[in-house]
C-alpha atoms as a PDB file:
ATOM      1  CA  MET A   1     201.709  53.957 -20.121  1.00  0.00           C
ATOM      2  CA  ASN A   2     201.186  55.247 -16.593  1.00  0.00           C
ATOM      3  CA  GLU A   3     203.711  57.275 -14.671  1.00  0.00           C
ATOM      4  CA  TYR A   4     204.273  58.378 -11.088  1.00  0.00           C
ATOM      5  CA  TRP A   5     207.069  59.947  -9.046  1.00  0.00           C
ATOM      6  CA  VAL A   6     209.012  58.306  -6.226  1.00  0.00           C
ATOM      7  CA  VAL A   7     210.533  60.430  -3.456  1.00  0.00           C
ATOM      8  CA  THR A   8     213.563  58.800  -1.804  1.00  0.00           C
ATOM      9  CA  ASP A   9     216.063  59.589   0.916  1.00  0.00           C
ATOM     10  CA  LYS A  10     219.514  60.275  -0.636  1.00  0.00           C
ATOM     11  CA  THR A  11     221.506  58.841   2.269  1.00  0.00           C
ATOM     12  CA  THR A  12     219.652  55.556   2.806  1.00  0.00           C
ATOM     13  CA  GLY A  13     217.772  55.062  -0.454  1.00  0.00           C
ATOM     14  CA  ARG A  14     214.575  54.475   1.528  1.00  0.00           C
ATOM     15  CA  VAL A  15     211.341  55.301  -0.324  1.00  0.00           C
ATOM     16  CA  ILE A  16     209.506  58.146   1.391  1.00  0.00           C
ATOM     17  CA  ALA A  17     206.489  58.509  -0.892  1.00  0.00           C
ATOM     18  CA  HIS A  18     204.915  57.590  -4.216  1.00  0.00           C
ATOM     19  CA  CYS A  19     203.289  60.629  -5.800  1.00  0.00           C
ATOM     20  CA  GLY A  20     200.809  60.726  -8.653  1.00  0.00           C
ATOM     21  CA  GLU A  21     201.716  64.294  -9.590  1.00  0.00           C
ATOM     22  CA  GLU A  22     205.155  65.848 -10.024  1.00  0.00           C
ATOM     23  CA  ILE A  23     204.162  68.909  -8.023  1.00  0.00           C
ATOM     24  CA  ASP A  24     203.464  66.675  -5.009  1.00  0.00           C
ATOM     25  CA  ALA A  25     206.888  65.088  -5.353  1.00  0.00           C
ATOM     26  CA  LEU A  26     208.514  68.537  -5.508  1.00  0.00           C
ATOM     27  CA  LEU A  27     206.643  69.536  -2.353  1.00  0.00           C
ATOM     28  CA  MET A  28     207.925  66.436  -0.528  1.00  0.00           C
ATOM     29  CA  VAL A  29     211.500  67.164  -1.665  1.00  0.00           C
ATOM     30  CA  SER A  30     211.233  70.822  -0.610  1.00  0.00           C
ATOM     31  CA  LEU A  31     210.600  69.744   3.004  1.00  0.00           C
ATOM     32  CA  ASP A  32     214.213  68.503   3.236  1.00  0.00           C
ATOM     33  CA  LYS A  33     216.122  69.521   0.079  1.00  0.00           C
ATOM     34  CA  ASP A  34     219.523  68.254   1.180  1.00  0.00           C
ATOM     35  CA  LYS A  35     218.418  64.690   1.908  1.00  0.00           C
ATOM     36  CA  ARG A  36     215.618  63.989  -0.579  1.00  0.00           C
ATOM     37  CA  THR A  37     215.372  63.380  -4.298  1.00  0.00           C
ATOM     38  CA  TYR A  38     212.642  62.259  -6.673  1.00  0.00           C
ATOM     39  CA  ARG A  39     212.486  60.338  -9.925  1.00  0.00           C
ATOM     40  CA  LYS A  40     209.873  59.488 -12.510  1.00  0.00           C
ATOM     41  CA  GLN A  41     208.670  55.867 -12.739  1.00  0.00           C
ATOM     42  CA  LYS A  42     206.717  54.403 -15.639  1.00  0.00           C
ATOM     43  CA  PHE A  43     204.843  51.153 -15.935  1.00  0.00           C
ATOM     44  CA  ILE A  44     202.959  49.612 -18.787  1.00  0.00           C
ATOM     45  CA  MET A  45     199.503  48.273 -18.060  1.00  0.00           C
ATOM     46  CA  ASP A  46     198.866  44.701 -19.126  1.00  0.00           C
ATOM     47  CA  GLN A  47     195.932  43.806 -21.279  1.00  0.00           C
ATOM     48  CA  VAL A  48     192.695  43.535 -19.351  1.00  0.00           C
ATOM     49  CA  ILE A  49     190.362  40.753 -20.374  1.00  0.00           C
ATOM     50  CA  ASP A  50     186.760  40.994 -19.218  1.00  0.00           C
ATOM     51  CA  ILE A  51     185.028  37.669 -18.674  1.00  0.00           C
ATOM     52  CA  THR A  52     181.333  37.209 -18.071  1.00  0.00           C
ATOM     53  CA  SER A  53     179.862  34.053 -16.626  1.00  0.00           C
ATOM     54  CA  GLU A  54     176.352  32.693 -16.895  1.00  0.00           C
ATOM     55  CA  THR A  55     176.887  29.679 -14.631  1.00  0.00           C
ATOM     56  CA  ASP A  56     176.154  29.259 -10.955  1.00  0.00           C
ATOM     57  CA  LYS A  57     178.985  30.768  -8.889  1.00  0.00           C
ATOM     58  CA  GLN A  58     178.885  28.068  -6.213  1.00  0.00           C
ATOM     59  CA  LEU A  59     181.448  25.319  -6.003  1.00  0.00           C
ATOM     60  CA  PRO A  60     180.150  21.770  -6.580  1.00  0.00           C
ATOM     61  CA  GLY A  61     180.503  20.888  -2.878  1.00  0.00           C
ATOM     62  CA  GLN A  62     178.311  23.814  -1.887  1.00  0.00           C
ATOM     63  CA  GLN A  63     175.342  22.512  -3.861  1.00  0.00           C
ATOM     64  CA  GLY A  64     174.917  19.524  -1.575  1.00  0.00           C
ATOM     65  CA  LEU A  65     176.649  16.252  -0.900  1.00  0.00           C
ATOM     66  CA  PRO A  66     175.356  12.908  -2.162  1.00  0.00           C
ATOM     67  CA  ALA A  67     173.431  10.712   0.231  1.00  0.00           C
ATOM     68  CA  ALA A  68     175.508   8.392   2.432  1.00  0.00           C
ATOM     69  CA  LYS A  69     175.828   4.825   1.173  1.00  0.00           C
ATOM     70  CA  ILE A  70     176.288   3.199   4.594  1.00  0.00           C
ATOM     71  CA  ARG A  71     175.134   4.231   8.014  1.00  0.00           C
ATOM     72  CA  LEU A  72     177.600   5.221  10.730  1.00  0.00           C
ATOM     73  CA  GLU A  73     176.724   2.311  13.022  1.00  0.00           C
ATOM     74  CA  GLU A  74     177.363  -0.193  10.244  1.00  0.00           C
ATOM     75  CA  ALA A  75     180.707   1.428   9.463  1.00  0.00           C
ATOM     76  CA  GLN A  76     181.802   1.255  13.111  1.00  0.00           C
ATOM     77  CA  GLN A  77     180.937  -2.444  13.256  1.00  0.00           C
ATOM     78  CA  GLN A  78     183.039  -3.115  10.160  1.00  0.00           C
ATOM     79  CA  PHE A  79     186.112  -1.438  11.631  1.00  0.00           C
ATOM     80  CA  ASN A  80     186.099  -2.792  15.193  1.00  0.00           C
ATOM     81  CA  LEU A  81     189.631  -3.583  16.334  1.00  0.00           C
ATOM     82  CA  ARG A  82     190.359  -6.713  18.247  1.00  0.00           C
ATOM     83  CA  GLU A  83     192.136  -6.467  21.554  1.00  0.00           C
ATOM     84  CA  SER A  84     195.888  -6.789  21.621  1.00  0.00           C
ATOM     85  CA  ASP A  85     197.832  -9.456  23.538  1.00  0.00           C
ATOM     86  CA  ALA A  86     200.690  -7.004  24.097  1.00  0.00           C
ATOM     87  CA  GLU A  87     201.846  -6.251  27.613  1.00  0.00           C
ATOM     88  CA  VAL A  88     201.696  -2.714  28.947  1.00  0.00           C
ATOM     89  CA  PHE A  89     205.145  -1.197  29.456  1.00  0.00           C
ATOM     90  CA  VAL A  90     205.482   1.118  32.448  1.00  0.00           C
ATOM     91  CA  PRO A  91     208.993   2.556  32.992  1.00  0.00           C
END
């Protein structure tokens, strides 16, 4: 369990500082005793799981793309649009 001290402003409740040592928190409070207070905070560390990896760290797309199946010119010929018989509207 880890602990630290939080120095706050009494009037607004605004956090002034997070201190790792209580003596630092007392020093911050002593700068303005009438308006500052400090309190002890505790937090529990979660479990840390170390993972090692033997694989390549690149994403599959970074290793190279497959060769193209059709050429660009052939694809453009397949998708040619025919001209429209619509009239142009000009307001």
